[in-house]
PDB file of N, CA and C in Angstrom:
ATOM      1  N   MET A   1     108.462 160.402 -15.870  1.00  0.00           N
ATOM      2  CA  MET A   1     107.794 160.972 -14.734  1.00  0.00           C
ATOM      3  C   MET A   1     106.301 161.205 -14.614  1.00  0.00           C
ATOM      4  N   ASN A   2     106.710 161.727 -15.496  1.00  0.00           N
ATOM      5  CA  ASN A   2     104.995 162.371 -15.889  1.00  0.00           C
ATOM      6  C   ASN A   2     104.028 161.370 -16.031  1.00  0.00           C
ATOM      7  N   PHE A   3     103.929 160.315 -16.559  1.00  0.00           N
ATOM      8  CA  PHE A   3     103.788 158.807 -16.421  1.00  0.00           C
ATOM      9  C   PHE A   3     103.362 157.914 -15.274  1.00  0.00           C
ATOM     10  N   LEU A   4     104.564 158.072 -14.898  1.00  0.00           N
ATOM     11  CA  LEU A   4     105.153 157.179 -13.476  1.00  0.00           C
ATOM     12  C   LEU A   4     104.175 157.550 -12.417  1.00  0.00           C
ATOM     13  N   LEU A   5     104.289 159.158 -12.310  1.00  0.00           N
ATOM     14  CA  LEU A   5     104.090 159.423 -11.004  1.00  0.00           C
ATOM     15  C   LEU A   5     102.587 159.412 -10.899  1.00  0.00           C
ATOM     16  N   PRO A   6     101.847 160.050 -12.224  1.00  0.00           N
ATOM     17  CA  PRO A   6     100.400 160.511 -11.712  1.00  0.00           C
ATOM     18  C   PRO A   6      99.709 158.702 -12.016  1.00  0.00           C
ATOM     19  N   SER A   7     100.475 157.446 -12.718  1.00  0.00           N
ATOM     20  CA  SER A   7      99.466 156.138 -12.908  1.00  0.00           C
ATOM     21  C   SER A   7      99.772 155.646 -11.271  1.00  0.00           C
ATOM     22  N   ALA A   8     100.972 155.443 -10.395  1.00  0.00           N
ATOM     23  CA  ALA A   8     101.222 155.276  -9.056  1.00  0.00           C
ATOM     24  C   ALA A   8     100.148 156.084  -8.793  1.00  0.00           C
ATOM     25  N   TYR A   9      99.628 157.293  -8.067  1.00  0.00           N
ATOM     26  CA  TYR A   9      99.326 157.660  -7.177  1.00  0.00           C
ATOM     27  C   TYR A   9      97.574 158.231  -7.426  1.00  0.00           C
ATOM     28  N   HIS A  10      96.668 157.864  -8.542  1.00  0.00           N
ATOM     29  CA  HIS A  10      95.845 157.801  -9.277  1.00  0.00           C
ATOM     30  C   HIS A  10      94.711 156.043  -9.451  1.00  0.00           C
ATOM     31  N   GLY A  11      96.272 155.129  -9.340  1.00  0.00           N
ATOM     32  CA  GLY A  11      95.801 154.151  -9.377  1.00  0.00           C
ATOM     33  C   GLY A  11      96.260 153.272  -8.471  1.00  0.00           C
ATOM     34  N   ASP A  12      96.037 152.088  -8.458  1.00  0.00           N
ATOM     35  CA  ASP A  12      96.189 150.929  -7.073  1.00  0.00           C
ATOM     36  C   ASP A  12      98.112 150.344  -7.274  1.00  0.00           C
ATOM     37  N   PHE A  13      98.107 149.539  -6.481  1.00  0.00           N
ATOM     38  CA  PHE A  13      99.429 149.008  -6.263  1.00  0.00           C
ATOM     39  C   PHE A  13      99.930 148.271  -7.776  1.00  0.00           C
ATOM     40  N   TYR A  14      98.809 147.610  -7.981  1.00  0.00           N
ATOM     41  CA  TYR A  14      99.381 146.941  -9.428  1.00  0.00           C
ATOM     42  C   TYR A  14      99.310 147.942 -11.023  1.00  0.00           C
ATOM     43  N   VAL A  15      98.278 148.493 -11.057  1.00  0.00           N
ATOM     44  CA  VAL A  15      98.743 149.912 -11.523  1.00  0.00           C
ATOM     45  C   VAL A  15     100.425 150.606 -11.848  1.00  0.00           C
ATOM     46  N   GLY A  16     100.872 150.846 -10.429  1.00  0.00           N
ATOM     47  CA  GLY A  16     101.915 151.128 -10.361  1.00  0.00           C
ATOM     48  C   GLY A  16     103.277 150.143 -10.932  1.00  0.00           C
ATOM     49  N   LEU A  17     103.030 149.236  -9.940  1.00  0.00           N
ATOM     50  CA  LEU A  17     103.699 147.765 -10.795  1.00  0.00           C
ATOM     51  C   LEU A  17     104.123 147.535 -12.224  1.00  0.00           C
ATOM     52  N   ALA A  18     102.981 147.795 -12.810  1.00  0.00           N
ATOM     53  CA  ALA A  18     103.063 147.636 -14.335  1.00  0.00           C
ATOM     54  C   ALA A  18     103.630 148.580 -14.864  1.00  0.00           C
ATOM     55  N   SER A  19     103.579 149.928 -14.309  1.00  0.00           N
ATOM     56  CA  SER A  19     103.996 151.369 -14.630  1.00  0.00           C
ATOM     57  C   SER A  19     105.393 151.385 -15.016  1.00  0.00           C
ATOM     58  N   VAL A  20     105.980 150.449 -13.790  1.00  0.00           N
ATOM     59  CA  VAL A  20     107.544 150.672 -13.870  1.00  0.00           C
ATOM     60  C   VAL A  20     107.861 149.299 -13.791  1.00  0.00           C
ATOM     61  N   LEU A  21     107.610 148.074 -13.964  1.00  0.00           N
ATOM     62  CA  LEU A  21     108.372 146.786 -14.124  1.00  0.00           C
ATOM     63  C   LEU A  21     108.718 146.461 -15.943  1.00  0.00           C
ATOM     64  N   PRO A  22     108.060 147.423 -16.921  1.00  0.00           N
ATOM     65  CA  PRO A  22     108.812 147.240 -17.928  1.00  0.00           C
ATOM     66  C   PRO A  22     110.591 148.363 -18.135  1.00  0.00           C
ATOM     67  N   CYS A  23     110.721 149.242 -16.794  1.00  0.00           N
ATOM     68  CA  CYS A  23     112.110 149.368 -16.710  1.00  0.00           C
ATOM     69  C   CYS A  23     113.087 148.655 -16.122  1.00  0.00           C
ATOM     70  N   MET A  24     112.361 148.315 -14.974  1.00  0.00           N
ATOM     71  CA  MET A  24     113.095 146.832 -14.592  1.00  0.00           C
ATOM     72  C   MET A  24     113.318 145.521 -15.306  1.00  0.00           C
ATOM     73  N   TRP A  25     112.395 145.191 -16.362  1.00  0.00           N
ATOM     74  CA  TRP A  25     112.543 144.206 -17.124  1.00  0.00           C
ATOM     75  C   TRP A  25     113.957 144.562 -18.210  1.00  0.00           C
ATOM     76  N   THR A  26     113.460 145.412 -18.750  1.00  0.00           N
ATOM     77  CA  THR A  26     114.440 145.793 -20.035  1.00  0.00           C
ATOM     78  C   THR A  26     115.871 146.450 -19.404  1.00  0.00           C
ATOM     79  N   TYR A  27     115.639 146.387 -18.191  1.00  0.00           N
ATOM     80  CA  TYR A  27     117.365 146.775 -17.940  1.00  0.00           C
ATOM     81  C   TYR A  27     118.181 145.195 -17.518  1.00  0.00           C
ATOM     82  N   GLU A  28     117.307 144.559 -17.106  1.00  0.00           N
ATOM     83  CA  GLU A  28     117.612 142.926 -16.692  1.00  0.00           C
ATOM     84  C   GLU A  28     117.905 142.654 -18.755  1.00  0.00           C
ATOM     85  N   ASP A  29     117.122 142.400 -19.162  1.00  0.00           N
ATOM     86  CA  ASP A  29     116.710 142.467 -20.542  1.00  0.00           C
ATOM     87  C   ASP A  29     118.365 142.630 -21.533  1.00  0.00           C
ATOM     88  N   ILE A  30     118.407 144.229 -21.298  1.00  0.00           N
ATOM     89  CA  ILE A  30     119.614 144.466 -21.942  1.00  0.00           C
ATOM     90  C   ILE A  30     121.056 144.575 -21.446  1.00  0.00           C
ATOM     91  N   ALA A  31     120.997 144.046 -19.948  1.00  0.00           N
ATOM     92  CA  ALA A  31     122.218 143.620 -19.556  1.00  0.00           C
ATOM     93  C   ALA A  31     122.996 142.229 -19.519  1.00  0.00           C
ATOM     94  N   GLU A  32     121.707 141.435 -19.352  1.00  0.00           N
ATOM     95  CA  GLU A  32     121.904 140.271 -20.412  1.00  0.00           C
ATOM     96  C   GLU A  32     122.368 140.047 -21.291  1.00  0.00           C
ATOM     97  N   ARG A  33     122.044 140.568 -22.545  1.00  0.00           N
ATOM     98  CA  ARG A  33     122.300 140.790 -23.505  1.00  0.00           C
ATOM     99  C   ARG A  33     124.092 141.313 -24.114  1.00  0.00           C
ATOM    100  N   HIS A  34     124.034 141.954 -23.778  1.00  0.00           N
ATOM    101  CA  HIS A  34     125.551 142.903 -23.334  1.00  0.00           C
ATOM    102  C   HIS A  34     126.414 142.760 -22.616  1.00  0.00           C
ATOM    103  N   LYS A  35     126.053 141.358 -21.685  1.00  0.00           N
ATOM    104  CA  LYS A  35     127.425 141.495 -21.020  1.00  0.00           C
ATOM    105  C   LYS A  35     128.807 141.229 -21.356  1.00  0.00           C
ATOM    106  N   TRP A  36     127.951 140.429 -21.838  1.00  0.00           N
ATOM    107  CA  TRP A  36     130.189 140.335 -22.862  1.00  0.00           C
ATOM    108  C   TRP A  36     130.304 141.761 -23.253  1.00  0.00           C
ATOM    109  N   ARG A  37     130.025 142.834 -23.396  1.00  0.00           N
ATOM    110  CA  ARG A  37     130.390 144.216 -23.699  1.00  0.00           C
ATOM    111  C   ARG A  37     131.033 144.737 -21.988  1.00  0.00           C
ATOM    112  N   LEU A  38     130.467 144.370 -21.610  1.00  0.00           N
ATOM    113  CA  LEU A  38     130.517 145.021 -20.286  1.00  0.00           C
ATOM    114  C   LEU A  38     131.882 144.360 -19.498  1.00  0.00           C
ATOM    115  N   GLU A  39     132.162 143.520 -19.466  1.00  0.00           N
ATOM    116  CA  GLU A  39     133.222 142.198 -19.095  1.00  0.00           C
ATOM    117  C   GLU A  39     134.735 142.754 -19.621  1.00  0.00           C
ATOM    118  N   GLY A  40     134.023 143.381 -21.148  1.00  0.00           N
ATOM    119  CA  GLY A  40     135.447 144.254 -21.442  1.00  0.00           C
ATOM    120  C   GLY A  40     135.589 145.675 -21.695  1.00  0.00           C
ATOM    121  N   ASN A  41     134.580 146.635 -20.372  1.00  0.00           N
ATOM    122  CA  ASN A  41     134.247 147.876 -19.892  1.00  0.00           C
ATOM    123  C   ASN A  41     135.362 148.449 -19.247  1.00  0.00           C
ATOM    124  N   LYS A  42     136.333 149.023 -19.399  1.00  0.00           N
ATOM    125  CA  LYS A  42     137.556 149.761 -19.034  1.00  0.00           C
ATOM    126  C   LYS A  42     137.129 150.681 -17.766  1.00  0.00           C
ATOM    127  N   VAL A  43     135.871 151.219 -17.654  1.00  0.00           N
ATOM    128  CA  VAL A  43     135.304 151.753 -16.794  1.00  0.00           C
ATOM    129  C   VAL A  43     134.524 151.233 -15.809  1.00  0.00           C
ATOM    130  N   ASP A  44     136.016 150.975 -14.308  1.00  0.00           N
ATOM    131  CA  ASP A  44     135.272 150.328 -13.132  1.00  0.00           C
ATOM    132  C   ASP A  44     134.371 150.852 -12.569  1.00  0.00           C
ATOM    133  N   LEU A  45     133.594 151.442 -12.425  1.00  0.00           N
ATOM    134  CA  LEU A  45     132.514 152.338 -11.758  1.00  0.00           C
ATOM    135  C   LEU A  45     131.500 152.036 -12.505  1.00  0.00           C
ATOM    136  N   TYR A  46     131.548 151.751 -13.649  1.00  0.00           N
ATOM    137  CA  TYR A  46     130.377 151.719 -14.644  1.00  0.00           C
ATOM    138  C   TYR A  46     130.061 149.968 -14.655  1.00  0.00           C
ATOM    139  N   ARG A  47     131.329 149.153 -14.769  1.00  0.00           N
ATOM    140  CA  ARG A  47     130.803 147.934 -14.466  1.00  0.00           C
ATOM    141  C   ARG A  47     130.557 147.801 -13.108  1.00  0.00           C
ATOM    142  N   LYS A  48     130.539 148.127 -11.966  1.00  0.00           N
ATOM    143  CA  LYS A  48     129.989 147.915 -10.939  1.00  0.00           C
ATOM    144  C   LYS A  48     128.546 148.145 -11.097  1.00  0.00           C
ATOM    145  N   TRP A  49     128.529 149.038 -11.525  1.00  0.00           N
ATOM    146  CA  TRP A  49     127.262 150.123 -11.696  1.00  0.00           C
ATOM    147  C   TRP A  49     125.901 148.577 -12.583  1.00  0.00           C
ATOM    148  N   ALA A  50     126.901 148.943 -13.386  1.00  0.00           N
ATOM    149  CA  ALA A  50     125.673 147.847 -14.714  1.00  0.00           C
ATOM    150  C   ALA A  50     125.624 146.174 -13.941  1.00  0.00           C
ATOM    151  N   SER A  51     126.497 146.144 -13.215  1.00  0.00           N
ATOM    152  CA  SER A  51     126.453 144.220 -12.926  1.00  0.00           C
ATOM    153  C   SER A  51     125.122 144.100 -12.367  1.00  0.00           C
ATOM    154  N   VAL A  52     125.135 144.912 -11.436  1.00  0.00           N
ATOM    155  CA  VAL A  52     123.862 145.058 -10.387  1.00  0.00           C
ATOM    156  C   VAL A  52     122.416 143.961 -11.193  1.00  0.00           C
ATOM    157  N   TYR A  53     122.427 144.877 -12.855  1.00  0.00           N
ATOM    158  CA  TYR A  53     121.523 144.293 -13.307  1.00  0.00           C
ATOM    159  C   TYR A  53     121.743 143.066 -13.807  1.00  0.00           C
ATOM    160  N   LEU A  54     122.398 142.415 -13.319  1.00  0.00           N
ATOM    161  CA  LEU A  54     122.965 140.637 -14.087  1.00  0.00           C
ATOM    162  C   LEU A  54     123.365 139.829 -12.953  1.00  0.00           C
ATOM    163  N   SER A  55     123.130 140.901 -11.685  1.00  0.00           N
ATOM    164  CA  SER A  55     122.966 140.227 -10.157  1.00  0.00           C
ATOM    165  C   SER A  55     122.028 138.923  -9.926  1.00  0.00           C
ATOM    166  N   ASP A  56     122.336 138.085  -9.064  1.00  0.00           N
ATOM    167  CA  ASP A  56     121.079 136.761  -8.629  1.00  0.00           C
ATOM    168  C   ASP A  56     119.630 137.812  -8.404  1.00  0.00           C
ATOM    169  N   GLY A  57     120.369 138.811  -7.020  1.00  0.00           N
ATOM    170  CA  GLY A  57     120.040 139.063  -6.500  1.00  0.00           C
ATOM    171  C   GLY A  57     118.298 140.394  -7.476  1.00  0.00           C
ATOM    172  N   TYR A  58     118.781 140.845  -8.515  1.00  0.00           N
ATOM    173  CA  TYR A  58     118.120 141.728  -9.351  1.00  0.00           C
ATOM    174  C   TYR A  58     117.325 141.136 -10.245  1.00  0.00           C
ATOM    175  N   LYS A  59     117.810 139.650 -10.734  1.00  0.00           N
ATOM    176  CA  LYS A  59     117.008 138.878 -11.756  1.00  0.00           C
ATOM    177  C   LYS A  59     115.628 138.153 -10.759  1.00  0.00           C
ATOM    178  N   MET A  60     116.131 137.893  -9.310  1.00  0.00           N
ATOM    179  CA  MET A  60     115.069 137.676  -8.612  1.00  0.00           C
ATOM    180  C   MET A  60     114.068 138.716  -8.288  1.00  0.00           C
ATOM    181  N   LEU A  61     114.551 139.832  -7.853  1.00  0.00           N
ATOM    182  CA  LEU A  61     113.475 140.516  -7.723  1.00  0.00           C
ATOM    183  C   LEU A  61     111.970 140.722  -8.899  1.00  0.00           C
ATOM    184  N   VAL A  62     113.211 140.805  -9.785  1.00  0.00           N
ATOM    185  CA  VAL A  62     112.159 141.302 -11.078  1.00  0.00           C
ATOM    186  C   VAL A  62     111.301 140.222 -11.805  1.00  0.00           C
ATOM    187  N   LYS A  63     112.037 138.840 -11.154  1.00  0.00           N
ATOM    188  CA  LYS A  63     111.003 137.684 -11.781  1.00  0.00           C
ATOM    189  C   LYS A  63     109.914 137.683 -10.790  1.00  0.00           C
ATOM    190  N   LYS A  64     110.661 138.200  -9.548  1.00  0.00           N
ATOM    191  CA  LYS A  64     108.971 138.415  -8.146  1.00  0.00           C
ATOM    192  C   LYS A  64     108.302 138.951  -8.757  1.00  0.00           C
ATOM    193  N   LEU A  65     108.612 140.258  -9.136  1.00  0.00           N
ATOM    194  CA  LEU A  65     107.570 141.394  -9.021  1.00  0.00           C
ATOM    195  C   LEU A  65     106.291 140.755 -10.527  1.00  0.00           C
ATOM    196  N   ARG A  66     107.430 139.996 -11.796  1.00  0.00           N
ATOM    197  CA  ARG A  66     106.676 139.545 -12.805  1.00  0.00           C
ATOM    198  C   ARG A  66     105.345 138.460 -12.121  1.00  0.00           C
ATOM    199  N   GLU A  67     106.019 138.243 -11.198  1.00  0.00           N
ATOM    200  CA  GLU A  67     104.320 136.316 -10.601  1.00  0.00           C
ATOM    201  C   GLU A  67     103.703 137.742  -9.998  1.00  0.00           C
ATOM    202  N   VAL A  68     103.932 138.527  -8.678  1.00  0.00           N
ATOM    203  CA  VAL A  68     103.516 139.296  -8.355  1.00  0.00           C
ATOM    204  C   VAL A  68     101.922 140.009  -9.706  1.00  0.00           C
ATOM    205  N   LEU A  69     102.323 140.585 -10.008  1.00  0.00           N
ATOM    206  CA  LEU A  69     101.963 140.968 -11.211  1.00  0.00           C
ATOM    207  C   LEU A  69     100.639 140.188 -11.874  1.00  0.00           C
ATOM    208  N   ASP A  70     101.698 138.883 -12.690  1.00  0.00           N
ATOM    209  CA  ASP A  70     100.353 138.260 -13.219  1.00  0.00           C
ATOM    210  C   ASP A  70      99.830 137.397 -12.297  1.00  0.00           C
ATOM    211  N   GLY A  71     100.170 137.104 -10.844  1.00  0.00           N
ATOM    212  CA  GLY A  71      99.156 136.672 -10.031  1.00  0.00           C
ATOM    213  C   GLY A  71      97.537 137.820  -9.328  1.00  0.00           C
ATOM    214  N   SER A  72      97.928 138.707  -9.621  1.00  0.00           N
ATOM    215  CA  SER A  72      97.349 139.772  -9.181  1.00  0.00           C
ATOM    216  C   SER A  72      95.576 139.804  -9.407  1.00  0.00           C
ATOM    217  N   GLY A  73      95.051 138.896 -10.232  1.00  0.00           N
ATOM    218  CA  GLY A  73      94.022 138.112 -10.404  1.00  0.00           C
ATOM    219  C   GLY A  73      93.138 139.746 -11.355  1.00  0.00           C
ATOM    220  N   ARG A  74      94.164 140.646 -11.822  1.00  0.00           N
ATOM    221  CA  ARG A  74      93.804 141.681 -12.760  1.00  0.00           C
ATOM    222  C   ARG A  74      93.829 141.170 -14.583  1.00  0.00           C
ATOM    223  N   SER A  75      92.628 141.223 -15.209  1.00  0.00           N
ATOM    224  CA  SER A  75      93.196 141.581 -16.367  1.00  0.00           C
ATOM    225  C   SER A  75      93.574 142.233 -17.206  1.00  0.00           C
ATOM    226  N   VAL A  76      94.264 141.372 -18.136  1.00  0.00           N
ATOM    227  CA  VAL A  76      95.175 141.982 -19.191  1.00  0.00           C
ATOM    228  C   VAL A  76      94.855 143.635 -19.406  1.00  0.00           C
ATOM    229  N   ASP A  77      93.299 143.613 -20.081  1.00  0.00           N
ATOM    230  CA  ASP A  77      92.799 145.003 -20.131  1.00  0.00           C
ATOM    231  C   ASP A  77      92.977 145.590 -19.191  1.00  0.00           C
ATOM    232  N   GLU A  78      92.962 145.584 -18.101  1.00  0.00           N
ATOM    233  CA  GLU A  78      92.790 146.428 -16.939  1.00  0.00           C
ATOM    234  C   GLU A  78      94.603 147.183 -16.864  1.00  0.00           C
ATOM    235  N   LEU A  79      95.498 146.199 -17.505  1.00  0.00           N
ATOM    236  CA  LEU A  79      97.074 146.560 -16.683  1.00  0.00           C
ATOM    237  C   LEU A  79      97.810 146.865 -17.814  1.00  0.00           C
ATOM    238  N   SER A  80      97.114 146.313 -19.254  1.00  0.00           N
ATOM    239  CA  SER A  80      98.209 146.866 -20.381  1.00  0.00           C
ATOM    240  C   SER A  80      98.431 148.099 -20.669  1.00  0.00           C
ATOM    241  N   TYR A  81      97.261 149.221 -20.570  1.00  0.00           N
ATOM    242  CA  TYR A  81      97.743 149.905 -20.991  1.00  0.00           C
ATOM    243  C   TYR A  81      98.748 150.981 -20.513  1.00  0.00           C
ATOM    244  N   TYR A  82      98.957 150.538 -19.089  1.00  0.00           N
ATOM    245  CA  TYR A  82      99.800 151.047 -17.860  1.00  0.00           C
ATOM    246  C   TYR A  82     101.029 150.445 -18.236  1.00  0.00           C
ATOM    247  N   PHE A  83     101.676 149.158 -18.824  1.00  0.00           N
ATOM    248  CA  PHE A  83     102.517 148.662 -19.177  1.00  0.00           C
ATOM    249  C   PHE A  83     103.627 149.134 -20.357  1.00  0.00           C
ATOM    250  N   GLU A  84     102.159 148.816 -21.134  1.00  0.00           N
ATOM    251  CA  GLU A  84     102.506 149.249 -22.580  1.00  0.00           C
ATOM    252  C   GLU A  84     103.136 150.695 -22.990  1.00  0.00           C
ATOM    253  N   GLN A  85     102.188 151.560 -21.999  1.00  0.00           N
ATOM    254  CA  GLN A  85     102.620 152.943 -22.276  1.00  0.00           C
ATOM    255  C   GLN A  85     104.050 153.106 -21.680  1.00  0.00           C
ATOM    256  N   ALA A  86     104.376 152.579 -20.625  1.00  0.00           N
ATOM    257  CA  ALA A  86     105.746 152.637 -19.521  1.00  0.00           C
ATOM    258  C   ALA A  86     106.858 151.758 -20.606  1.00  0.00           C
ATOM    259  N   LEU A  87     106.069 150.957 -21.450  1.00  0.00           N
ATOM    260  CA  LEU A  87     107.360 150.016 -22.644  1.00  0.00           C
ATOM    261  C   LEU A  87     107.791 151.276 -23.566  1.00  0.00           C
ATOM    262  N   ARG A  88     106.633 151.769 -23.893  1.00  0.00           N
ATOM    263  CA  ARG A  88     107.019 152.948 -25.186  1.00  0.00           C
ATOM    264  C   ARG A  88     107.457 153.879 -24.846  1.00  0.00           C
ATOM    265  N   TYR A  89     107.685 154.392 -23.507  1.00  0.00           N
ATOM    266  CA  TYR A  89     108.657 156.231 -22.808  1.00  0.00           C
ATOM    267  C   TYR A  89     110.124 154.811 -22.794  1.00  0.00           C
ATOM    268  N   LYS A  90     110.088 153.860 -21.817  1.00  0.00           N
ATOM    269  CA  LYS A  90     111.834 153.041 -22.107  1.00  0.00           C
ATOM    270  C   LYS A  90     112.386 152.892 -23.282  1.00  0.00           C
ATOM    271  N   ILE A  91     111.270 152.976 -24.859  1.00  0.00           N
ATOM    272  CA  ILE A  91     111.564 152.141 -26.047  1.00  0.00           C
ATOM    273  C   ILE A  91     112.373 153.963 -26.287  1.00  0.00           C
ATOM    274  N   LEU A  92     111.381 154.854 -26.344  1.00  0.00           N
ATOM    275  CA  LEU A  92     112.042 156.466 -26.513  1.00  0.00           C
ATOM    276  C   LEU A  92     113.340 156.846 -25.341  1.00  0.00           C
ATOM    277  N   PHE A  93     113.075 156.364 -24.922  1.00  0.00           N
ATOM    278  CA  PHE A  93     114.876 157.157 -23.627  1.00  0.00           C
ATOM    279  C   PHE A  93     115.858 156.395 -24.603  1.00  0.00           C
ATOM    280  N   TRP A  94     115.776 154.928 -24.886  1.00  0.00           N
ATOM    281  CA  TRP A  94     117.006 154.019 -25.315  1.00  0.00           C
ATOM    282  C   TRP A  94     116.898 154.560 -26.787  1.00  0.00           C
ATOM    283  N   GLN A  95     116.246 154.934 -27.622  1.00  0.00           N
ATOM    284  CA  GLN A  95     116.131 155.212 -28.580  1.00  0.00           C
ATOM    285  C   GLN A  95     117.295 156.726 -28.505  1.00  0.00           C
ATOM    286  N   ALA A  96     116.403 157.559 -28.087  1.00  0.00           N
ATOM    287  CA  ALA A  96     117.090 158.719 -27.707  1.00  0.00           C
ATOM    288  C   ALA A  96     118.597 158.833 -27.106  1.00  0.00           C
ATOM    289  N   SER A  97     119.489 157.735 -26.672  1.00  0.00           N
ATOM    290  CA  SER A  97     120.495 157.830 -25.888  1.00  0.00           C
ATOM    291  C   SER A  97     121.142 157.275 -26.912  1.00  0.00           C
ATOM    292  N   TYR A  98     120.631 156.385 -27.519  1.00  0.00           N
ATOM    293  CA  TYR A  98     121.429 155.535 -28.856  1.00  0.00           C
ATOM    294  C   TYR A  98     121.230 156.476 -29.911  1.00  0.00           C
ATOM    295  N   VAL A  99     121.395 157.298 -29.994  1.00  0.00           N
ATOM    296  CA  VAL A  99     121.459 158.587 -31.180  1.00  0.00           C
ATOM    297  C   VAL A  99     121.786 159.766 -30.692  1.00  0.00           C
ATOM    298  N   MET A 100     121.989 159.764 -29.377  1.00  0.00           N
ATOM    299  CA  MET A 100     122.847 161.281 -28.421  1.00  0.00           C
ATOM    300  C   MET A 100     121.913 162.127 -28.823  1.00  0.00           C
ATOM    301  N   GLU A 101     120.673 161.975 -28.558  1.00  0.00           N
ATOM    302  CA  GLU A 101     119.802 163.076 -28.554  1.00  0.00           C
ATOM    303  C   GLU A 101     120.233 164.124 -27.705  1.00  0.00           C
ATOM    304  N   GLU A 102     120.567 165.498 -28.243  1.00  0.00           N
ATOM    305  CA  GLU A 102     120.101 166.603 -26.764  1.00  0.00           C
ATOM    306  C   GLU A 102     119.488 166.924 -26.773  1.00  0.00           C
ATOM    307  N   TRP A 103     119.170 167.503 -25.025  1.00  0.00           N
ATOM    308  CA  TRP A 103     117.733 167.949 -24.440  1.00  0.00           C
ATOM    309  C   TRP A 103     118.209 169.492 -25.376  1.00  0.00           C
ATOM    310  N   PRO A 104     116.485 170.153 -25.397  1.00  0.00           N
ATOM    311  CA  PRO A 104     117.140 171.095 -26.691  1.00  0.00           C
ATOM    312  C   PRO A 104     116.614 172.078 -25.620  1.00  0.00           C
ATOM    313  N   PHE A 105     116.505 172.667 -24.235  1.00  0.00           N
ATOM    314  CA  PHE A 105     116.565 173.637 -23.475  1.00  0.00           C
ATOM    315  C   PHE A 105     117.682 174.380 -22.840  1.00  0.00           C
TER     316      PHE A 105
END
């Protein structure tokens, strides 16, 4: 949040979108790659929650937001910092989850 809020506040719509799109896009990608695991998950609440990322509506939303960003007329140089930084934070989030990192406080 310390990255997303200032980016969205100080930047314009497209900076905000470039900052949040990696999160949405990775959830869709991860859900698609692991949908076979979801089908066998015994926790109904988890299956319902995670299935959202496999839904046609969610996939359509991510596709549309990608198209909006691609059609913004903004150069890659203008937006790549925000997209790449958000992606770095998302990678760190998933890495911490994978190794079950504990919050140090």
